Protein backbone atom coordinates (compact mmCIF):
# COMPACT_ATOMS: atom_id res chain seq x y z
CA MET A 1 36.70 338.44 163.55
CA GLY A 2 36.60 337.15 167.13
CA LYS A 3 39.62 335.67 168.79
CA LYS A 4 39.61 331.88 168.62
CA GLN A 5 39.63 330.30 172.05
CA ARG A 6 42.59 327.99 172.53
CA ARG A 7 41.71 324.46 173.52
CA TYR A 8 43.99 322.52 175.81
CA ASN A 9 44.33 318.80 175.44
CA CYS A 10 43.95 316.67 178.53
CA LYS A 11 43.02 313.59 176.49
CA ALA A 12 46.41 311.97 177.10
CA GLN A 13 45.70 311.97 180.84
CA ALA A 14 42.17 310.65 180.31
CA CYS A 15 43.50 307.87 178.07
CA ALA A 16 46.14 306.99 180.67
CA ILE A 17 43.38 306.49 183.25
CA GLN A 18 41.42 304.26 180.89
CA ALA A 19 44.53 302.22 180.09
CA CYS A 20 45.43 301.85 183.76
CA ILE A 21 41.94 300.75 184.79
CA SER A 22 41.72 298.34 181.84
CA LYS A 23 45.06 296.83 182.81
CA THR A 24 44.59 296.63 186.58
CA LEU A 25 40.77 296.56 186.87
CA ASP A 26 41.33 298.59 190.04
CA GLU A 27 40.74 302.34 190.03
CA SER A 28 42.64 302.73 193.32
CA LYS A 29 45.86 301.68 191.52
CA CYS A 30 45.46 304.56 189.05
CA GLU A 31 45.68 307.49 191.48
CA GLU A 32 48.72 309.01 189.74
CA GLN A 33 46.90 309.14 186.40
CA ILE A 34 43.75 310.53 188.04
CA ARG A 35 45.76 313.28 189.77
CA ALA A 36 47.41 314.16 186.44
CA LEU A 37 44.01 314.57 184.76
CA HIS A 38 42.70 316.68 187.65
CA GLU A 39 45.76 318.94 187.44
CA CYS A 40 45.51 319.30 183.65
CA CYS A 41 41.80 320.16 183.91
CA ARG A 42 42.42 322.57 186.80
CA GLN A 43 45.06 324.43 184.77
CA THR A 44 42.85 324.43 181.69
CA ARG A 45 39.91 325.88 183.62
CA ALA A 46 42.15 328.49 185.29
CA ARG A 47 43.18 329.68 181.81
CA GLY A 48 39.52 330.02 180.86
CA SER A 49 40.04 327.43 178.16
CA ASP A 50 38.23 324.31 177.12
CA SER A 51 39.11 320.63 176.90
CA ASP A 52 36.75 317.87 175.83
CA ALA A 53 38.42 315.45 178.24
CA CYS A 54 37.49 317.69 181.19
CA GLN A 55 33.79 318.26 180.56
CA GLY A 56 32.55 315.50 182.88
CA LEU A 57 35.05 316.43 185.56
CA TRP A 58 34.03 320.09 185.42
CA GLN A 59 30.36 319.13 185.70
CA ALA A 60 31.17 317.09 188.81
CA TRP A 61 33.19 319.98 190.29
CA ASP A 62 30.33 322.41 189.61
CA LYS A 63 27.77 320.07 191.20
CA ALA A 64 29.99 319.61 194.26
CA ALA A 65 30.47 323.37 194.59
CA ALA A 66 26.71 323.96 194.27
CA ALA A 67 25.99 321.28 196.88
CA ALA A 68 28.53 322.81 199.26
CA GLU A 69 27.03 326.26 198.76
CA ASN A 70 23.53 324.88 199.32
CA ALA A 71 24.69 323.12 202.50
CA LYS A 72 26.03 326.44 203.84
CA HIS A 73 22.62 328.05 203.38
CA VAL A 74 20.72 325.09 204.86
CA ASN A 75 22.95 324.94 207.94
CA LYS A 76 22.49 328.62 208.83
């Protein structure tokens, strides 16, 4: 049988962001929670693991990396 991939849980950080924004209605006041989610997702990705809470963030990172790579080729 194949080895089961361990999933890391960054949902607590995602929930903290939602709670902060709901409370303050100002995303700029939730930077600490946003940084915590980014760090959790970065560590999760570095381990080659998965986390449902990070899927949207990873898609955004991948799009940004692709756009940066495309810009390098266009600017040559």
